[in-house]
C-alpha atoms as a PDB file:
ATOM      1  CA  UNK A   1     -39.094  -6.884  19.213  1.00  0.00           C
ATOM      2  CA  UNK A   2     -40.761  -9.933  20.789  1.00  0.00           C
ATOM      3  CA  UNK A   3     -39.919 -13.629  20.641  1.00  0.00           C
ATOM      4  CA  UNK A   4     -42.300 -16.509  20.413  1.00  0.00           C
ATOM      5  CA  UNK A   5     -41.427 -20.168  20.943  1.00  0.00           C
ATOM      6  CA  UNK A   6     -39.627 -20.450  17.649  1.00  0.00           C
ATOM      7  CA  UNK A   7     -39.752 -17.114  15.823  1.00  0.00           C
ATOM      8  CA  UNK A   8     -38.675 -13.555  16.411  1.00  0.00           C
ATOM      9  CA  UNK A   9     -40.838 -10.743  15.167  1.00  0.00           C
ATOM     10  CA  UNK A  10     -39.756  -7.163  14.252  1.00  0.00           C
ATOM     11  CA  UNK A  11     -40.506  -4.316  11.860  1.00  0.00           C
ATOM     12  CA  UNK A  12     -38.615  -2.714   9.080  1.00  0.00           C
ATOM     13  CA  UNK A  13     -39.348   0.984   8.967  1.00  0.00           C
ATOM     14  CA  UNK A  14     -38.619   3.947   6.772  1.00  0.00           C
ATOM     15  CA  UNK A  15     -40.317   7.306   6.040  1.00  0.00           C
ATOM     16  CA  UNK A  16     -43.116   5.660   4.114  1.00  0.00           C
ATOM     17  CA  UNK A  17     -44.167   3.090   6.660  1.00  0.00           C
ATOM     18  CA  UNK A  18     -43.291  -0.323   8.208  1.00  0.00           C
ATOM     19  CA  UNK A  19     -43.309  -3.883   7.103  1.00  0.00           C
ATOM     20  CA  UNK A  20     -43.794  -6.712   9.702  1.00  0.00           C
ATOM     21  CA  UNK A  21     -41.019  -9.317   9.602  1.00  0.00           C
ATOM     22  CA  UNK A  22     -40.206 -12.599  11.249  1.00  0.00           C
ATOM     23  CA  UNK A  23     -37.178 -14.923  11.377  1.00  0.00           C
ATOM     24  CA  UNK A  24     -36.570 -18.287  12.961  1.00  0.00           C
ATOM     25  CA  UNK A  25     -34.987 -17.782  16.279  1.00  0.00           C
ATOM     26  CA  UNK A  26     -32.216 -20.360  15.755  1.00  0.00           C
ATOM     27  CA  UNK A  27     -31.315 -18.579  12.473  1.00  0.00           C
ATOM     28  CA  UNK A  28     -30.970 -15.277  14.300  1.00  0.00           C
ATOM     29  CA  UNK A  29     -28.870 -16.795  17.086  1.00  0.00           C
ATOM     30  CA  UNK A  30     -26.602 -18.427  14.543  1.00  0.00           C
ATOM     31  CA  UNK A  31     -25.888 -15.109  12.818  1.00  0.00           C
ATOM     32  CA  UNK A  32     -24.607 -13.741  16.183  1.00  0.00           C
ATOM     33  CA  UNK A  33     -25.969 -10.236  15.471  1.00  0.00           C
ATOM     34  CA  UNK A  34     -26.868  -7.671  18.103  1.00  0.00           C
ATOM     35  CA  UNK A  35     -29.941  -5.876  16.646  1.00  0.00           C
ATOM     36  CA  UNK A  36     -31.204  -2.603  18.150  1.00  0.00           C
ATOM     37  CA  UNK A  37     -33.947  -0.125  17.345  1.00  0.00           C
ATOM     38  CA  UNK A  38     -32.886   2.222  14.665  1.00  0.00           C
ATOM     39  CA  UNK A  39     -30.252  -0.089  13.229  1.00  0.00           C
ATOM     40  CA  UNK A  40     -29.806  -0.369   9.428  1.00  0.00           C
ATOM     41  CA  UNK A  41     -30.125  -3.863   8.027  1.00  0.00           C
ATOM     42  CA  UNK A  42     -30.294  -5.660   4.618  1.00  0.00           C
ATOM     43  CA  UNK A  43     -32.751  -8.614   4.593  1.00  0.00           C
ATOM     44  CA  UNK A  44     -33.748 -11.302   2.091  1.00  0.00           C
ATOM     45  CA  UNK A  45     -36.688 -13.574   2.188  1.00  0.00           C
ATOM     46  CA  UNK A  46     -40.338 -13.869   0.968  1.00  0.00           C
ATOM     47  CA  UNK A  47     -43.922 -13.338   2.028  1.00  0.00           C
ATOM     48  CA  UNK A  48     -45.571 -15.473   4.724  1.00  0.00           C
ATOM     49  CA  UNK A  49     -49.360 -15.546   4.946  1.00  0.00           C
ATOM     50  CA  UNK A  50     -51.227 -16.139   8.174  1.00  0.00           C
ATOM     51  CA  UNK A  51     -54.843 -17.053   7.410  1.00  0.00           C
ATOM     52  CA  UNK A  52     -56.082 -15.818  10.770  1.00  0.00           C
ATOM     53  CA  UNK A  53     -58.103 -17.429  13.582  1.00  0.00           C
ATOM     54  CA  UNK A  54     -61.054 -16.904  15.746  1.00  0.00           C
ATOM     55  CA  UNK A  55     -59.083 -14.303  17.713  1.00  0.00           C
ATOM     56  CA  UNK A  56     -56.742 -12.903  15.146  1.00  0.00           C
ATOM     57  CA  UNK A  57     -57.082 -11.340  11.715  1.00  0.00           C
ATOM     58  CA  UNK A  58     -55.328 -12.646   8.575  1.00  0.00           C
ATOM     59  CA  UNK A  59     -51.946 -10.980   7.947  1.00  0.00           C
ATOM     60  CA  UNK A  60     -48.946 -10.978   5.598  1.00  0.00           C
ATOM     61  CA  UNK A  61     -45.460 -11.133   7.154  1.00  0.00           C
ATOM     62  CA  UNK A  62     -42.090 -10.942   5.466  1.00  0.00           C
ATOM     63  CA  UNK A  63     -40.345 -14.135   6.289  1.00  0.00           C
ATOM     64  CA  UNK A  64     -36.628 -13.284   6.687  1.00  0.00           C
ATOM     65  CA  UNK A  65     -34.192 -15.984   5.543  1.00  0.00           C
ATOM     66  CA  UNK A  66     -31.074 -13.638   5.232  1.00  0.00           C
ATOM     67  CA  UNK A  67     -30.078 -10.794   7.482  1.00  0.00           C
ATOM     68  CA  UNK A  68     -26.946  -8.638   7.780  1.00  0.00           C
ATOM     69  CA  UNK A  69     -26.030  -5.186   9.067  1.00  0.00           C
ATOM     70  CA  UNK A  70     -25.811  -2.471   6.444  1.00  0.00           C
ATOM     71  CA  UNK A  71     -22.931  -0.090   5.654  1.00  0.00           C
ATOM     72  CA  UNK A  72     -20.083  -0.118   8.180  1.00  0.00           C
ATOM     73  CA  UNK A  73     -22.039  -2.421  10.332  1.00  0.00           C
ATOM     74  CA  UNK A  74     -21.823  -5.036   7.511  1.00  0.00           C
ATOM     75  CA  UNK A  75     -18.075  -4.710   7.477  1.00  0.00           C
ATOM     76  CA  UNK A  76     -17.956  -5.122  11.324  1.00  0.00           C
ATOM     77  CA  UNK A  77     -20.083  -8.294  11.079  1.00  0.00           C
ATOM     78  CA  UNK A  78     -17.653  -9.723   8.500  1.00  0.00           C
ATOM     79  CA  UNK A  79     -14.769  -8.747  10.767  1.00  0.00           C
ATOM     80  CA  UNK A  80     -16.342 -10.394  13.767  1.00  0.00           C
ATOM     81  CA  UNK A  81     -17.026 -13.633  11.990  1.00  0.00           C
ATOM     82  CA  UNK A  82     -13.461 -13.908  10.638  1.00  0.00           C
ATOM     83  CA  UNK A  83     -12.043 -13.016  14.019  1.00  0.00           C
ATOM     84  CA  UNK A  84     -13.871 -15.840  15.684  1.00  0.00           C
ATOM     85  CA  UNK A  85     -12.781 -18.251  12.960  1.00  0.00           C
ATOM     86  CA  UNK A  86      -9.090 -17.412  13.041  1.00  0.00           C
ATOM     87  CA  UNK A  87      -9.152 -17.449  16.901  1.00  0.00           C
ATOM     88  CA  UNK A  88     -10.726 -20.887  16.862  1.00  0.00           C
ATOM     89  CA  UNK A  89      -8.071 -22.127  14.504  1.00  0.00           C
ATOM     90  CA  UNK A  90      -5.376 -20.884  16.870  1.00  0.00           C
ATOM     91  CA  UNK A  91      -3.890 -18.352  14.468  1.00  0.00           C
ATOM     92  CA  UNK A  92      -3.574 -15.685  17.099  1.00  0.00           C
ATOM     93  CA  UNK A  93      -0.806 -17.578  18.863  1.00  0.00           C
ATOM     94  CA  UNK A  94       2.143 -18.570  16.561  1.00  0.00           C
ATOM     95  CA  UNK A  95       3.439 -15.034  16.110  1.00  0.00           C
ATOM     96  CA  UNK A  96       3.303 -14.309  19.879  1.00  0.00           C
ATOM     97  CA  UNK A  97       5.503 -17.401  20.642  1.00  0.00           C
ATOM     98  CA  UNK A  98       8.272 -16.228  18.277  1.00  0.00           C
ATOM     99  CA  UNK A  99      11.373 -14.785  20.142  1.00  0.00           C
ATOM    100  CA  UNK A 100      12.020 -11.101  19.486  1.00  0.00           C
ATOM    101  CA  UNK A 101      15.552  -9.717  19.432  1.00  0.00           C
ATOM    102  CA  UNK A 102      16.416  -7.105  22.024  1.00  0.00           C
ATOM    103  CA  UNK A 103      18.696  -5.367  19.591  1.00  0.00           C
ATOM    104  CA  UNK A 104      17.978  -6.367  15.928  1.00  0.00           C
ATOM    105  CA  UNK A 105      20.631  -5.580  13.364  1.00  0.00           C
ATOM    106  CA  UNK A 106      18.190  -5.539  10.404  1.00  0.00           C
ATOM    107  CA  UNK A 107      14.484  -4.526  10.522  1.00  0.00           C
ATOM    108  CA  UNK A 108      12.045  -4.927   7.553  1.00  0.00           C
ATOM    109  CA  UNK A 109       9.300  -2.352   7.138  1.00  0.00           C
ATOM    110  CA  UNK A 110       6.149  -2.603   5.021  1.00  0.00           C
ATOM    111  CA  UNK A 111       4.386   0.716   4.580  1.00  0.00           C
ATOM    112  CA  UNK A 112       3.231   3.245   2.009  1.00  0.00           C
ATOM    113  CA  UNK A 113       6.070   5.001   0.202  1.00  0.00           C
ATOM    114  CA  UNK A 114       4.641   8.508   0.764  1.00  0.00           C
ATOM    115  CA  UNK A 115       2.895   7.977   4.159  1.00  0.00           C
ATOM    116  CA  UNK A 116       3.726   9.859   7.358  1.00  0.00           C
ATOM    117  CA  UNK A 117       4.250   6.439   9.065  1.00  0.00           C
ATOM    118  CA  UNK A 118       7.595   6.149   7.272  1.00  0.00           C
ATOM    119  CA  UNK A 119       8.909   9.423   8.679  1.00  0.00           C
ATOM    120  CA  UNK A 120       7.604   8.572  12.257  1.00  0.00           C
ATOM    121  CA  UNK A 121       9.438   5.218  12.179  1.00  0.00           C
ATOM    122  CA  UNK A 122      12.721   6.757  11.054  1.00  0.00           C
ATOM    123  CA  UNK A 123      12.472   9.518  13.654  1.00  0.00           C
ATOM    124  CA  UNK A 124      11.785   7.038  16.474  1.00  0.00           C
ATOM    125  CA  UNK A 125      14.693   4.737  15.527  1.00  0.00           C
ATOM    126  CA  UNK A 126      17.038   7.821  15.378  1.00  0.00           C
ATOM    127  CA  UNK A 127      15.927   8.812  18.902  1.00  0.00           C
ATOM    128  CA  UNK A 128      16.734   5.252  19.995  1.00  0.00           C
ATOM    129  CA  UNK A 129      20.204   5.638  18.782  1.00  0.00           C
ATOM    130  CA  UNK A 130      19.753   2.554  16.616  1.00  0.00           C
ATOM    131  CA  UNK A 131      22.202   2.292  13.714  1.00  0.00           C
ATOM    132  CA  UNK A 132      21.249  -0.977  12.050  1.00  0.00           C
ATOM    133  CA  UNK A 133      19.980  -1.787   8.541  1.00  0.00           C
ATOM    134  CA  UNK A 134      16.446  -1.016   7.290  1.00  0.00           C
ATOM    135  CA  UNK A 135      14.931  -3.023   4.445  1.00  0.00           C
ATOM    136  CA  UNK A 136      11.997  -1.161   3.030  1.00  0.00           C
ATOM    137  CA  UNK A 137       9.074  -2.957   1.143  1.00  0.00           C
ATOM    138  CA  UNK A 138       6.762  -0.271   0.007  1.00  0.00           C
ATOM    139  CA  UNK A 139       3.218  -1.378  -0.855  1.00  0.00           C
ATOM    140  CA  UNK A 140      -0.324   0.237  -1.289  1.00  0.00           C
ATOM    141  CA  UNK A 141      -2.072   0.341   2.048  1.00  0.00           C
ATOM    142  CA  UNK A 142      -5.566   0.866   0.821  1.00  0.00           C
ATOM    143  CA  UNK A 143      -8.033  -0.486  -1.788  1.00  0.00           C
ATOM    144  CA  UNK A 144      -8.315  -4.029  -3.379  1.00  0.00           C
ATOM    145  CA  UNK A 145      -4.593  -4.118  -4.399  1.00  0.00           C
ATOM    146  CA  UNK A 146      -3.315  -3.606  -0.905  1.00  0.00           C
ATOM    147  CA  UNK A 147      -3.806  -6.933   0.849  1.00  0.00           C
ATOM    148  CA  UNK A 148      -2.089  -9.160  -1.806  1.00  0.00           C
ATOM    149  CA  UNK A 149       0.773  -6.651  -2.162  1.00  0.00           C
ATOM    150  CA  UNK A 150       1.327  -6.403   1.644  1.00  0.00           C
ATOM    151  CA  UNK A 151       1.276 -10.254   1.892  1.00  0.00           C
ATOM    152  CA  UNK A 152       3.826 -10.575  -0.939  1.00  0.00           C
ATOM    153  CA  UNK A 153       6.048  -7.863   0.706  1.00  0.00           C
ATOM    154  CA  UNK A 154       5.984  -9.790   4.001  1.00  0.00           C
ATOM    155  CA  UNK A 155       6.919 -13.051   2.422  1.00  0.00           C
ATOM    156  CA  UNK A 156       9.797 -11.440   0.596  1.00  0.00           C
ATOM    157  CA  UNK A 157      11.157  -9.855   3.717  1.00  0.00           C
ATOM    158  CA  UNK A 158      10.827 -12.982   5.781  1.00  0.00           C
ATOM    159  CA  UNK A 159      12.895 -14.898   3.066  1.00  0.00           C
ATOM    160  CA  UNK A 160      15.787 -12.519   3.607  1.00  0.00           C
ATOM    161  CA  UNK A 161      18.120 -14.163   6.232  1.00  0.00           C
ATOM    162  CA  UNK A 162      19.331 -10.886   7.833  1.00  0.00           C
ATOM    163  CA  UNK A 163      15.843  -9.648   8.595  1.00  0.00           C
ATOM    164  CA  UNK A 164      15.024 -10.289  12.246  1.00  0.00           C
ATOM    165  CA  UNK A 165      11.753  -8.442  12.783  1.00  0.00           C
ATOM    166  CA  UNK A 166       9.196  -6.659  10.554  1.00  0.00           C
ATOM    167  CA  UNK A 167       7.071  -3.586  11.073  1.00  0.00           C
ATOM    168  CA  UNK A 168       3.724  -3.163   9.194  1.00  0.00           C
ATOM    169  CA  UNK A 169       2.548   0.419   9.468  1.00  0.00           C
ATOM    170  CA  UNK A 170      -0.237   2.664   8.199  1.00  0.00           C
ATOM    171  CA  UNK A 171      -1.829   5.888   9.413  1.00  0.00           C
ATOM    172  CA  UNK A 172      -5.477   6.318  10.388  1.00  0.00           C
ATOM    173  CA  UNK A 173      -8.678   6.111   8.330  1.00  0.00           C
ATOM    174  CA  UNK A 174     -12.236   4.791   8.217  1.00  0.00           C
ATOM    175  CA  UNK A 175     -12.938   1.039   8.674  1.00  0.00           C
ATOM    176  CA  UNK A 176     -13.309   0.796   4.922  1.00  0.00           C
ATOM    177  CA  UNK A 177      -9.863   2.352   4.509  1.00  0.00           C
ATOM    178  CA  UNK A 178      -8.265  -0.067   6.852  1.00  0.00           C
ATOM    179  CA  UNK A 179     -10.139  -3.134   5.775  1.00  0.00           C
ATOM    180  CA  UNK A 180      -7.230  -4.490   3.588  1.00  0.00           C
ATOM    181  CA  UNK A 181      -5.543  -5.342   6.990  1.00  0.00           C
ATOM    182  CA  UNK A 182      -8.512  -7.650   7.837  1.00  0.00           C
ATOM    183  CA  UNK A 183      -8.014  -9.706   4.745  1.00  0.00           C
ATOM    184  CA  UNK A 184      -8.052 -13.471   5.526  1.00  0.00           C
ATOM    185  CA  UNK A 185      -5.176 -14.475   3.280  1.00  0.00           C
ATOM    186  CA  UNK A 186      -2.995 -11.646   4.665  1.00  0.00           C
ATOM    187  CA  UNK A 187      -3.695 -12.679   8.247  1.00  0.00           C
ATOM    188  CA  UNK A 188      -2.846 -16.287   7.496  1.00  0.00           C
ATOM    189  CA  UNK A 189       0.373 -15.064   5.939  1.00  0.00           C
ATOM    190  CA  UNK A 190       1.401 -13.175   8.894  1.00  0.00           C
ATOM    191  CA  UNK A 191       0.528 -16.017  11.316  1.00  0.00           C
ATOM    192  CA  UNK A 192       2.938 -18.460   9.515  1.00  0.00           C
ATOM    193  CA  UNK A 193       5.933 -16.106   9.039  1.00  0.00           C
ATOM    194  CA  UNK A 194       9.288 -17.143  10.598  1.00  0.00           C
ATOM    195  CA  UNK A 195       9.973 -13.579  11.791  1.00  0.00           C
ATOM    196  CA  UNK A 196       7.871 -11.630  14.368  1.00  0.00           C
ATOM    197  CA  UNK A 197       5.609  -8.910  12.961  1.00  0.00           C
ATOM    198  CA  UNK A 198       4.886  -5.661  14.750  1.00  0.00           C
ATOM    199  CA  UNK A 199       1.514  -4.146  13.504  1.00  0.00           C
ATOM    200  CA  UNK A 200       0.610  -0.478  13.769  1.00  0.00           C
ATOM    201  CA  UNK A 201      -2.531   0.115  11.740  1.00  0.00           C
ATOM    202  CA  UNK A 202      -4.820   3.229  12.204  1.00  0.00           C
ATOM    203  CA  UNK A 203      -5.192   5.230  15.309  1.00  0.00           C
ATOM    204  CA  UNK A 204      -5.458   4.275  19.060  1.00  0.00           C
ATOM    205  CA  UNK A 205      -9.039   3.103  18.826  1.00  0.00           C
ATOM    206  CA  UNK A 206      -8.729   1.109  15.525  1.00  0.00           C
ATOM    207  CA  UNK A 207      -8.100  -2.656  15.667  1.00  0.00           C
ATOM    208  CA  UNK A 208      -7.801  -4.684  12.520  1.00  0.00           C
ATOM    209  CA  UNK A 209      -7.378  -8.489  12.241  1.00  0.00           C
ATOM    210  CA  UNK A 210      -3.623  -8.209  11.574  1.00  0.00           C
ATOM    211  CA  UNK A 211      -3.343  -6.519  15.031  1.00  0.00           C
ATOM    212  CA  UNK A 212      -4.837  -9.814  16.522  1.00  0.00           C
ATOM    213  CA  UNK A 213      -2.535 -12.062  14.455  1.00  0.00           C
ATOM    214  CA  UNK A 214       0.733 -10.168  14.790  1.00  0.00           C
ATOM    215  CA  UNK A 215       3.305 -10.709  17.482  1.00  0.00           C
ATOM    216  CA  UNK A 216       2.756  -7.164  18.843  1.00  0.00           C
ATOM    217  CA  UNK A 217       0.095  -4.540  18.180  1.00  0.00           C
ATOM    218  CA  UNK A 218       1.094  -0.854  18.563  1.00  0.00           C
ATOM    219  CA  UNK A 219      -1.045   2.213  18.557  1.00  0.00           C
ATOM    220  CA  UNK A 220       1.283   4.378  16.440  1.00  0.00           C
ATOM    221  CA  UNK A 221       4.241   3.854  14.076  1.00  0.00           C
ATOM    222  CA  UNK A 222       6.464   5.538  16.673  1.00  0.00           C
ATOM    223  CA  UNK A 223       5.472   2.955  19.300  1.00  0.00           C
ATOM    224  CA  UNK A 224       6.068   0.206  16.683  1.00  0.00           C
ATOM    225  CA  UNK A 225       9.694   1.388  16.129  1.00  0.00           C
ATOM    226  CA  UNK A 226      10.228   1.552  19.938  1.00  0.00           C
ATOM    227  CA  UNK A 227       8.854  -2.016  20.277  1.00  0.00           C
ATOM    228  CA  UNK A 228      11.191  -3.233  17.537  1.00  0.00           C
ATOM    229  CA  UNK A 229      14.190  -1.740  19.371  1.00  0.00           C
ATOM    230  CA  UNK A 230      13.178  -1.919  23.044  1.00  0.00           C
ATOM    231  CA  UNK A 231      16.529  -0.766  24.418  1.00  0.00           C
ATOM    232  CA  UNK A 232      17.613   2.868  24.001  1.00  0.00           C
ATOM    233  CA  UNK A 233      21.243   2.862  22.779  1.00  0.00           C
ATOM    234  CA  UNK A 234      23.970   5.433  23.218  1.00  0.00           C
ATOM    235  CA  UNK A 235      24.281   7.784  20.235  1.00  0.00           C
ATOM    236  CA  UNK A 236      27.785   6.929  19.050  1.00  0.00           C
ATOM    237  CA  UNK A 237      27.983   9.726  16.513  1.00  0.00           C
ATOM    238  CA  UNK A 238      27.105  12.344  19.195  1.00  0.00           C
ATOM    239  CA  UNK A 239      29.771  10.939  21.485  1.00  0.00           C
ATOM    240  CA  UNK A 240      32.453  11.055  18.866  1.00  0.00           C
ATOM    241  CA  UNK A 241      31.286  14.540  17.763  1.00  0.00           C
ATOM    242  CA  UNK A 242      31.775  15.660  21.414  1.00  0.00           C
ATOM    243  CA  UNK A 243      35.345  14.226  21.481  1.00  0.00           C
ATOM    244  CA  UNK A 244      36.050  16.093  18.155  1.00  0.00           C
ATOM    245  CA  UNK A 245      34.679  19.433  19.556  1.00  0.00           C
ATOM    246  CA  UNK A 246      36.798  19.182  22.611  1.00  0.00           C
ATOM    247  CA  UNK A 247      39.837  18.232  20.582  1.00  0.00           C
ATOM    248  CA  UNK A 248      39.349  21.253  18.295  1.00  0.00           C
ATOM    249  CA  UNK A 249      39.039  23.612  21.227  1.00  0.00           C
ATOM    250  CA  UNK A 250      42.194  22.216  22.754  1.00  0.00           C
ATOM    251  CA  UNK A 251      43.956  22.684  19.470  1.00  0.00           C
ATOM    252  CA  UNK A 252      43.076  26.352  19.265  1.00  0.00           C
ATOM    253  CA  UNK A 253      44.351  27.018  22.788  1.00  0.00           C
ATOM    254  CA  UNK A 254      47.770  25.273  22.413  1.00  0.00           C
ATOM    255  CA  UNK A 255      48.683  26.270  18.855  1.00  0.00           C
ATOM    256  CA  UNK A 256      49.767  24.347  15.740  1.00  0.00           C
ATOM    257  CA  UNK A 257      52.977  23.045  17.210  1.00  0.00           C
ATOM    258  CA  UNK A 258      51.042  20.489  19.079  1.00  0.00           C
ATOM    259  CA  UNK A 259      48.998  19.265  16.116  1.00  0.00           C
ATOM    260  CA  UNK A 260      50.702  15.861  15.871  1.00  0.00           C
ATOM    261  CA  UNK A 261      50.253  15.153  19.506  1.00  0.00           C
ATOM    262  CA  UNK A 262      46.571  16.191  19.308  1.00  0.00           C
ATOM    263  CA  UNK A 263      45.953  13.954  16.328  1.00  0.00           C
ATOM    264  CA  UNK A 264      47.350  11.019  18.302  1.00  0.00           C
ATOM    265  CA  UNK A 265      45.110  11.948  21.156  1.00  0.00           C
ATOM    266  CA  UNK A 266      42.137  11.994  18.867  1.00  0.00           C
ATOM    267  CA  UNK A 267      42.946   8.483  17.710  1.00  0.00           C
ATOM    268  CA  UNK A 268      43.154   7.278  21.303  1.00  0.00           C
ATOM    269  CA  UNK A 269      39.790   8.864  22.080  1.00  0.00           C
ATOM    270  CA  UNK A 270      38.192   7.243  19.063  1.00  0.00           C
ATOM    271  CA  UNK A 271      39.569   3.785  20.140  1.00  0.00           C
ATOM    272  CA  UNK A 272      38.233   4.489  23.672  1.00  0.00           C
ATOM    273  CA  UNK A 273      34.828   5.275  22.275  1.00  0.00           C
ATOM    274  CA  UNK A 274      34.842   2.091  20.199  1.00  0.00           C
ATOM    275  CA  UNK A 275      35.779   0.041  23.225  1.00  0.00           C
ATOM    276  CA  UNK A 276      32.979   1.791  25.276  1.00  0.00           C
ATOM    277  CA  UNK A 277      30.449   0.863  22.600  1.00  0.00           C
ATOM    278  CA  UNK A 278      31.655  -2.775  22.549  1.00  0.00           C
ATOM    279  CA  UNK A 279      31.349  -3.005  26.318  1.00  0.00           C
ATOM    280  CA  UNK A 280      27.786  -1.611  26.137  1.00  0.00           C
ATOM    281  CA  UNK A 281      26.918  -4.161  23.412  1.00  0.00           C
ATOM    282  CA  UNK A 282      28.178  -6.992  25.667  1.00  0.00           C
ATOM    283  CA  UNK A 283      26.034  -5.556  28.536  1.00  0.00           C
ATOM    284  CA  UNK A 284      22.990  -5.524  26.198  1.00  0.00           C
ATOM    285  CA  UNK A 285      23.639  -9.169  25.269  1.00  0.00           C
ATOM    286  CA  UNK A 286      23.780 -10.168  28.921  1.00  0.00           C
ATOM    287  CA  UNK A 287      20.496  -8.285  29.537  1.00  0.00           C
ATOM    288  CA  UNK A 288      18.878 -10.040  26.584  1.00  0.00           C
ATOM    289  CA  UNK A 289      19.807 -13.433  28.057  1.00  0.00           C
ATOM    290  CA  UNK A 290      18.461 -12.357  31.428  1.00  0.00           C
ATOM    291  CA  UNK A 291      15.235 -11.233  29.801  1.00  0.00           C
ATOM    292  CA  UNK A 292      15.015 -14.521  28.000  1.00  0.00           C
ATOM    293  CA  UNK A 293      15.331 -16.446  31.239  1.00  0.00           C
ATOM    294  CA  UNK A 294      12.149 -14.638  32.430  1.00  0.00           C
ATOM    295  CA  UNK A 295      10.254 -15.205  29.231  1.00  0.00           C
ATOM    296  CA  UNK A 296       6.705 -16.427  29.981  1.00  0.00           C
ATOM    297  CA  UNK A 297       7.145 -19.018  27.326  1.00  0.00           C
ATOM    298  CA  UNK A 298       9.881 -20.671  29.459  1.00  0.00           C
ATOM    299  CA  UNK A 299       7.462 -20.882  32.352  1.00  0.00           C
ATOM    300  CA  UNK A 300       4.872 -22.577  30.180  1.00  0.00           C
ATOM    301  CA  UNK A 301       7.476 -25.147  29.159  1.00  0.00           C
ATOM    302  CA  UNK A 302       7.812 -26.118  32.842  1.00  0.00           C
ATOM    303  CA  UNK A 303       4.171 -27.219  32.980  1.00  0.00           C
ATOM    304  CA  UNK A 304       2.273 -24.051  33.763  1.00  0.00           C
ATOM    305  CA  UNK A 305      -0.575 -22.594  31.693  1.00  0.00           C
ATOM    306  CA  UNK A 306      -1.715 -19.023  30.978  1.00  0.00           C
ATOM    307  CA  UNK A 307      -5.474 -18.386  31.500  1.00  0.00           C
ATOM    308  CA  UNK A 308      -7.149 -15.551  29.559  1.00  0.00           C
ATOM    309  CA  UNK A 309     -10.715 -14.702  28.547  1.00  0.00           C
ATOM    310  CA  UNK A 310     -11.789 -14.742  24.847  1.00  0.00           C
ATOM    311  CA  UNK A 311     -10.520 -11.172  24.486  1.00  0.00           C
ATOM    312  CA  UNK A 312      -7.082 -12.090  25.616  1.00  0.00           C
ATOM    313  CA  UNK A 313      -7.306 -10.454  29.097  1.00  0.00           C
ATOM    314  CA  UNK A 314      -5.471 -12.501  31.778  1.00  0.00           C
ATOM    315  CA  UNK A 315      -7.756 -14.339  34.289  1.00  0.00           C
ATOM    316  CA  UNK A 316      -6.056 -14.329  37.668  1.00  0.00           C
ATOM    317  CA  UNK A 317      -8.722 -15.764  39.953  1.00  0.00           C
ATOM    318  CA  UNK A 318     -11.333 -18.494  40.107  1.00  0.00           C
ATOM    319  CA  UNK A 319     -14.018 -15.855  40.542  1.00  0.00           C
ATOM    320  CA  UNK A 320     -12.975 -14.057  37.419  1.00  0.00           C
ATOM    321  CA  UNK A 321     -12.823 -17.380  35.470  1.00  0.00           C
ATOM    322  CA  UNK A 322     -16.409 -18.225  36.627  1.00  0.00           C
ATOM    323  CA  UNK A 323     -17.615 -14.737  35.598  1.00  0.00           C
ATOM    324  CA  UNK A 324     -15.995 -15.130  32.151  1.00  0.00           C
ATOM    325  CA  UNK A 325     -17.733 -18.401  31.490  1.00  0.00           C
ATOM    326  CA  UNK A 326     -15.262 -19.412  28.751  1.00  0.00           C
ATOM    327  CA  UNK A 327     -11.430 -19.119  29.020  1.00  0.00           C
ATOM    328  CA  UNK A 328      -8.485 -19.932  26.826  1.00  0.00           C
ATOM    329  CA  UNK A 329      -5.713 -22.174  28.309  1.00  0.00           C
ATOM    330  CA  UNK A 330      -2.280 -21.415  26.609  1.00  0.00           C
ATOM    331  CA  UNK A 331       0.342 -24.180  26.990  1.00  0.00           C
ATOM    332  CA  UNK A 332       3.836 -24.242  25.596  1.00  0.00           C
ATOM    333  CA  UNK A 333       2.621 -26.232  22.519  1.00  0.00           C
ATOM    334  CA  UNK A 334      -0.783 -24.752  21.791  1.00  0.00           C
ATOM    335  CA  UNK A 335      -4.029 -23.370  23.249  1.00  0.00           C
ATOM    336  CA  UNK A 336      -7.396 -24.797  24.209  1.00  0.00           C
ATOM    337  CA  UNK A 337     -10.811 -23.200  24.917  1.00  0.00           C
ATOM    338  CA  UNK A 338     -12.482 -24.325  28.134  1.00  0.00           C
ATOM    339  CA  UNK A 339     -15.913 -23.757  29.538  1.00  0.00           C
ATOM    340  CA  UNK A 340     -15.973 -22.800  33.227  1.00  0.00           C
ATOM    341  CA  UNK A 341     -18.624 -24.285  35.527  1.00  0.00           C
ATOM    342  CA  UNK A 342     -19.221 -23.830  39.237  1.00  0.00           C
ATOM    343  CA  UNK A 343     -18.463 -27.430  40.059  1.00  0.00           C
END
């Protein structure tokens, strides 16, 4: 590929031969595509005839007016454009500013009814020792029906006053399988919800637009459940079961004549267990307040700003800012893009 003053020239090749093509350089730059030898593209345009000169022969060229990547590359191009648009509108920030409860009592979950993600979330919450309420909103997680159904489920969950946080989860798949989670209307719905959303879509290497918009992006449904309940709680049922086992053993050793006294002892143990749980809940509440005092959002409210590059990576030095060229400044009431110069 070679560039002239105003046009870029390249060839379209297949097994039968090649067609010389050209496109205005400003049009190519506006598309923001990274073309490489061997890439598959779809083009539109018409023939352009060059009559020749004293030093060059006449020639036909295909003048390209439309150009996009083919196949999965086409989806990636759409995704890249929409990601830039949503980022420019500031829709990546509202969810991240929402406070997240350290110990939610009610969690909403949007996922497929038969998917493995459901079982992974339940297992992780059980390991956490969490005993709150789950509100399930089952929805298709693939094909053209998925995005509107997921958006509707999210709105319904957010309208339920007890719901404090929502998990959206789906297992892995191809980019086409996951593309419902890149739907523009779905992303805008998530950005404007009153409750924080934890997204877990695909595998470790997958990243959909809902991951960018959500309050938290997790690599697996298990991690999403752990992010929803960040504090591991004592398993109250196991503690009470331990008391019951010890009580039963003591009863066998002392005989039936002491059954009444042992029953009273069991009641005291149960009351003690309840008091212990209440004390732990108070401790967790104090920890939550302490964590809130160190919330970065509180720091921003005091006049500081968070500096990141366009990918969201923190910029911690002037040299790094100069190298990035463009940075995002996050204040307590919004974000701005800034161009970095050496001056």
